[in-house]
Protein backbone atom coordinates (compact mmCIF):
# COMPACT_ATOMS: atom_id res chain seq x y z
CA MET A 1 17.02 1.13 19.22
CA ASP A 2 19.40 -1.46 17.78
CA VAL A 3 20.38 -1.11 14.14
CA LEU A 4 21.83 -4.40 12.89
CA PRO A 5 24.52 -4.84 10.21
CA GLU A 6 23.77 -6.85 7.09
CA VAL A 7 25.27 -10.06 8.52
CA GLU A 8 22.44 -12.28 9.79
CA PRO A 9 20.03 -9.35 9.97
CA ALA A 10 17.03 -11.58 10.70
CA ARG A 11 18.47 -13.36 13.74
CA ALA A 12 17.36 -10.76 16.29
CA LEU A 13 13.95 -10.48 14.58
CA VAL A 14 13.50 -14.25 14.83
CA ASP A 15 14.30 -14.11 18.53
CA LEU A 16 11.60 -11.46 19.01
CA LEU A 17 8.96 -13.37 17.05
CA ALA A 18 9.56 -16.94 18.17
CA GLY A 19 6.55 -18.27 20.04
CA ARG A 20 4.74 -14.89 20.07
CA PRO A 21 1.75 -13.55 18.12
CA TRP A 22 2.71 -10.70 15.81
CA VAL A 23 1.25 -8.44 13.17
CA ALA A 24 2.76 -6.91 10.00
CA LEU A 25 2.29 -3.32 8.86
CA THR A 26 3.32 -2.97 5.21
CA GLY A 27 4.06 0.01 3.02
CA ALA A 28 5.07 0.71 -0.55
CA GLY A 29 8.49 -0.91 -0.08
CA MET A 30 6.68 -4.23 0.22
CA SER A 31 5.54 -4.04 -3.40
CA THR A 32 8.63 -2.69 -5.14
CA ASP A 33 9.67 -6.26 -5.98
CA SER A 34 6.37 -6.54 -7.87
CA GLY A 35 7.37 -3.64 -10.09
CA ILE A 36 5.37 -0.96 -8.28
CA PRO A 37 7.62 1.96 -7.27
CA ASP A 38 7.31 3.77 -3.94
CA TYR A 39 7.06 7.48 -3.21
CA ARG A 40 9.85 7.85 -0.66
CA GLY A 41 12.35 5.03 -1.06
CA PRO A 42 16.04 5.59 -1.85
CA THR A 43 15.46 5.24 -5.61
CA SER A 44 12.01 6.83 -5.83
CA VAL A 45 11.32 9.84 -8.00
CA ARG A 46 9.84 12.79 -6.14
CA ALA A 47 6.13 13.11 -6.90
CA THR A 48 3.19 15.02 -5.47
CA PRO A 49 0.00 12.92 -5.29
CA MET A 50 -3.31 14.56 -5.99
CA GLN A 51 -5.10 15.82 -2.89
CA PHE A 52 -8.71 14.85 -2.20
CA SER A 53 -9.81 18.50 -2.20
CA GLU A 54 -8.24 18.95 -5.60
CA PHE A 55 -9.95 15.84 -6.99
CA VAL A 56 -13.45 16.85 -5.89
CA GLY A 57 -12.85 20.55 -6.62
CA SER A 58 -12.99 20.53 -10.40
CA VAL A 59 -13.81 18.45 -13.45
CA GLU A 60 -10.40 19.33 -14.88
CA SER A 61 -8.64 17.73 -11.88
CA ARG A 62 -10.68 14.58 -12.30
CA GLN A 63 -9.87 14.50 -16.01
CA ARG A 64 -6.18 14.78 -15.24
CA TYR A 65 -6.35 12.11 -12.54
CA TRP A 66 -8.37 9.59 -14.50
CA ALA A 67 -6.33 10.01 -17.69
CA ARG A 68 -3.18 9.23 -15.71
CA SER A 69 -4.75 6.48 -13.67
CA TYR A 70 -6.31 4.89 -16.76
CA LEU A 71 -2.88 4.41 -18.26
CA GLY A 72 -1.20 3.52 -14.97
CA TRP A 73 -3.64 0.64 -14.51
CA SER A 74 -2.05 -1.11 -17.46
CA ARG A 75 0.82 -1.90 -15.12
CA ILE A 76 -0.46 -1.85 -11.57
CA GLY A 77 -3.53 -3.84 -12.56
CA GLN A 78 -1.29 -6.64 -13.79
CA ALA A 79 1.15 -6.68 -10.86
CA GLU A 80 1.67 -10.04 -9.16
CA PRO A 81 2.55 -10.83 -5.54
CA ASN A 82 6.28 -11.13 -4.93
CA GLU A 83 8.24 -13.48 -2.71
CA GLY A 84 7.70 -11.21 0.30
CA HIS A 85 3.91 -11.36 -0.05
CA ARG A 86 4.03 -15.15 -0.41
CA THR A 87 6.36 -15.54 2.58
CA LEU A 88 3.94 -13.63 4.80
CA VAL A 89 1.33 -16.24 3.95
CA GLU A 90 3.75 -18.96 5.10
CA LEU A 91 4.44 -17.06 8.30
CA GLU A 92 0.78 -17.36 9.36
CA ALA A 93 1.91 -20.76 10.67
CA ALA A 94 4.55 -18.99 12.79
CA GLY A 95 2.49 -16.53 14.78
CA LEU A 96 1.49 -13.94 12.17
CA GLN A 97 -2.03 -12.79 13.10
CA GLY A 98 -2.66 -10.64 10.04
CA VAL A 99 -1.48 -7.79 7.83
CA LEU A 100 -2.25 -4.08 8.01
CA THR A 101 -1.29 -2.52 4.70
CA GLN A 102 -1.00 1.04 3.51
CA ASN A 103 -0.80 -0.25 -0.07
CA VAL A 104 -3.79 -0.20 -2.39
CA ASP A 105 -2.59 -2.86 -4.82
CA GLY A 106 -4.42 -5.80 -3.17
CA LEU A 107 -1.36 -8.07 -3.51
CA HIS A 108 -1.55 -9.45 0.03
CA THR A 109 -5.03 -10.82 -0.62
CA LEU A 110 -3.99 -12.08 -4.06
CA ALA A 111 -1.06 -13.90 -2.44
CA GLY A 112 -3.45 -15.68 -0.09
CA SER A 113 -3.12 -13.86 3.23
CA ARG A 114 -6.18 -14.69 5.34
CA THR A 115 -6.47 -11.52 7.40
CA VAL A 116 -5.74 -8.28 5.57
CA ILE A 117 -6.87 -4.78 6.51
CA ASP A 118 -6.43 -2.42 3.56
CA LEU A 119 -6.00 0.81 5.47
CA HIS A 120 -6.09 2.98 2.35
CA GLY A 121 -8.60 0.91 0.39
CA ARG A 122 -8.03 -0.91 -2.89
CA ILE A 123 -7.34 0.51 -6.34
CA ALA A 124 -9.30 -2.38 -7.88
CA ASP A 125 -12.56 -0.81 -6.64
CA VAL A 126 -14.30 2.40 -7.69
CA VAL A 127 -16.74 4.36 -5.52
CA CYS A 128 -19.39 6.91 -6.58
CA LEU A 129 -19.11 10.17 -4.65
CA GLY A 130 -22.84 10.67 -5.11
CA CYS A 131 -24.57 7.42 -4.09
CA GLY A 132 -21.66 5.46 -2.63
CA ARG A 133 -22.03 2.52 -5.00
CA VAL A 134 -18.84 0.46 -5.34
CA THR A 135 -18.03 -1.18 -8.67
CA PRO A 136 -15.03 -3.10 -10.07
CA ARG A 137 -12.22 -1.09 -11.61
CA LEU A 138 -12.08 -3.44 -14.58
CA GLU A 139 -15.60 -2.38 -15.58
CA LEU A 140 -14.57 1.28 -15.48
CA GLN A 141 -11.42 0.61 -17.48
CA GLN A 142 -13.57 -0.86 -20.27
CA ARG A 143 -15.93 2.10 -20.22
CA LEU A 144 -13.01 4.58 -20.30
CA ALA A 145 -11.45 2.71 -23.20
CA GLU A 146 -14.71 3.04 -25.17
CA LEU A 147 -14.96 6.75 -24.32
CA ASN A 148 -11.28 7.46 -25.16
CA PRO A 149 -10.37 5.18 -28.10
CA ASP A 150 -7.48 7.39 -29.19
CA LEU A 151 -5.65 7.27 -25.84
CA SER A 152 -3.37 4.25 -25.65
CA ALA A 153 -0.78 3.28 -23.06
CA PRO A 154 2.90 3.60 -23.96
CA ALA A 155 4.77 0.38 -24.61
CA THR A 156 6.47 0.69 -21.23
CA LEU A 157 5.92 2.91 -18.20
CA GLU A 158 9.26 3.97 -16.75
CA HIS A 159 9.84 4.27 -13.01
CA ALA A 160 9.34 8.04 -13.09
CA GLU A 161 6.10 7.65 -15.02
CA LEU A 162 4.28 5.36 -12.58
CA ARG A 163 3.18 6.05 -9.01
CA PRO A 164 2.18 3.57 -6.26
CA ASP A 165 -1.50 4.44 -6.61
CA GLY A 166 -1.52 3.55 -10.30
CA ASP A 167 -1.11 7.14 -11.45
CA ALA A 168 1.01 7.62 -14.61
CA VAL A 169 2.36 10.71 -16.32
CA VAL A 170 0.08 11.89 -19.14
CA GLU A 171 0.74 15.12 -20.96
CA ASP A 172 -2.46 15.43 -22.97
CA TRP A 173 -5.43 14.92 -20.64
CA ARG A 174 -7.66 17.90 -21.39
CA ASP A 175 -9.83 16.04 -23.90
CA PHE A 176 -10.13 12.95 -21.70
CA ARG A 177 -13.79 11.89 -21.37
CA LEU A 178 -14.89 10.89 -17.89
CA ALA A 179 -17.31 8.06 -17.10
CA ALA A 180 -20.08 8.78 -14.62
CA CYS A 181 -21.75 6.46 -12.12
CA PRO A 182 -24.14 4.22 -14.08
CA ALA A 183 -26.64 4.35 -11.21
CA CYS A 184 -26.89 8.08 -10.40
CA GLY A 185 -24.58 9.92 -12.77
CA GLY A 186 -22.27 11.00 -9.95
CA ALA A 187 -18.52 11.47 -10.08
CA LEU A 188 -16.38 8.34 -9.72
CA LYS A 189 -13.30 8.02 -7.55
CA PRO A 190 -10.96 5.09 -6.85
CA ASP A 191 -12.06 3.52 -3.57
CA VAL A 192 -8.80 4.53 -1.91
CA VAL A 193 -7.89 7.11 0.71
CA PHE A 194 -6.47 10.14 -1.06
CA PHE A 195 -3.98 12.47 0.59
CA GLY A 196 -6.13 14.85 2.62
CA GLU A 197 -8.70 12.14 3.46
CA SER A 198 -8.86 10.09 6.64
CA VAL A 199 -8.97 6.33 6.97
CA PRO A 200 -12.58 5.34 7.87
CA LYS A 201 -12.95 4.98 11.65
CA PRO A 202 -14.35 1.41 11.57
CA ARG A 203 -11.30 0.32 9.59
CA VAL A 204 -8.98 1.98 12.08
CA ALA A 205 -10.78 0.24 14.94
CA GLN A 206 -10.35 -3.14 13.23
CA ALA A 207 -6.66 -2.43 12.83
CA TYR A 208 -6.21 -1.55 16.50
CA GLU A 209 -8.00 -4.78 17.46
CA LEU A 210 -5.56 -6.79 15.35
CA VAL A 211 -2.56 -5.02 16.88
CA ASP A 212 -3.95 -5.58 20.38
CA ARG A 213 -4.17 -9.32 19.71
CA SER A 214 -0.46 -9.37 18.96
CA GLU A 215 2.70 -8.83 20.95
CA VAL A 216 5.12 -7.68 18.23
CA LEU A 217 4.54 -5.15 15.44
CA VAL A 218 6.74 -5.60 12.35
CA VAL A 219 6.80 -2.63 9.93
CA LEU A 220 7.79 -3.69 6.42
CA GLY A 221 8.74 -1.20 3.74
CA SER A 222 7.05 1.93 5.13
CA SER A 223 8.61 5.31 5.85
CA LEU A 224 5.76 5.88 8.33
CA THR A 225 5.52 9.41 7.01
CA VAL A 226 1.73 9.51 7.31
CA MET A 227 -0.17 9.04 10.57
CA SER A 228 -2.25 6.14 9.20
CA GLY A 229 0.73 3.88 9.88
CA LEU A 230 2.71 5.74 12.53
CA ARG A 231 -0.24 5.68 14.92
CA PHE A 232 0.15 1.92 15.39
CA VAL A 233 3.85 2.25 16.21
CA ARG A 234 2.99 4.86 18.84
CA HIS A 235 0.24 2.64 20.18
CA GLN A 236 2.64 -0.28 20.44
CA THR A 237 5.13 1.87 22.34
CA LYS A 238 2.44 2.91 24.83
CA ARG A 239 1.67 -0.77 25.40
CA GLY A 240 5.33 -1.36 26.24
CA LEU A 241 5.69 -3.97 23.48
CA PRO A 242 8.32 -4.26 20.73
CA THR A 243 8.21 -2.74 17.27
CA VAL A 244 10.56 -3.82 14.49
CA VAL A 245 11.11 -1.61 11.44
CA VAL A 246 12.39 -3.24 8.24
CA ASN A 247 13.02 -0.49 5.71
CA ARG A 248 15.76 0.85 3.50
CA GLY A 249 16.20 4.40 4.74
CA ALA A 250 15.05 6.34 7.77
CA THR A 251 11.46 6.29 8.98
CA ARG A 252 9.47 8.41 11.43
CA GLY A 253 9.12 5.32 13.59
CA ASP A 254 12.86 4.71 14.04
CA PRO A 255 13.10 6.54 17.40
CA LEU A 256 10.35 4.28 18.77
CA ALA A 257 11.59 1.02 17.26
CA THR A 258 13.01 -1.78 19.37
CA LEU A 259 14.92 -3.00 16.33
CA LYS A 260 15.69 -1.48 12.91
CA LEU A 261 16.80 -3.56 9.93
CA GLU A 262 18.13 -1.61 6.94
CA GLN A 263 17.10 -4.36 4.59
CA GLY A 264 14.62 -5.20 1.84
CA CYS A 265 11.36 -6.90 2.80
CA SER A 266 11.53 -10.05 0.68
CA GLU A 267 15.00 -11.17 1.73
CA THR A 268 14.38 -10.41 5.39
CA LEU A 269 11.10 -12.35 5.45
CA ALA A 270 12.71 -15.27 3.65
CA ALA A 271 15.40 -15.44 6.32
CA VAL A 272 12.78 -15.31 9.06
CA ALA A 273 10.67 -18.01 7.47
CA ALA A 274 13.68 -20.26 7.08
CA ARG A 275 14.07 -20.23 10.89
CA LEU A 276 10.46 -20.12 12.05
CA CYS A 277 8.55 -22.27 9.55
């Protein structure tokens, strides 16, 4: 693996991508420029996300989760695509076949990317664990506001108080009133893959198809700590085709990478677009 210095870091990446179909795999580092912190970046605050078994295991856990997520939505729900998201849209004219994202913020779609596979789902949707009905998060936010009129978001949510999945620190959650599914009365959950859950198999199959249509895999802002992303790097290695990792800090995919850029996503993509578009 080649690790390039900061001088002209995109030149080797451009050489790999020029004239070839490629696919992007994005992680939390892709959205930090939109004000959404990551879990494992150099400046991230250590946090332990709620496990799926914990969420479904008790009403108290769901109260704690939804109280935090309700407040966290005040920021993540208003996040806007950053320059990196917008540049990926431009790069569709330079061989980019589509985006696989581990993020749940929906910013790639909002930016205008045509082919996006949300590996972990989208925080803007809510699913009923009873009947499977999917409804918009905005509707739930309104219902939760009516049920909990005394709970208001702080003026600002500091870095340590907001997580990539929209979770925020809330001390007093025990009196938080939950909203049930309007169709069957079942428990509601964000339509995202929690830790301890698996990415749905049809979604994984779609992702592999996209990778197989491409020659180069470019990882952007992911530590590749979880298998949902690392599997595609391993798959690419078995195919004998190049993988590029753009990430500040070490990743689990570094030993398999053809090229590693210790850079931010937005500036790297801007440099690539300046040469390819």
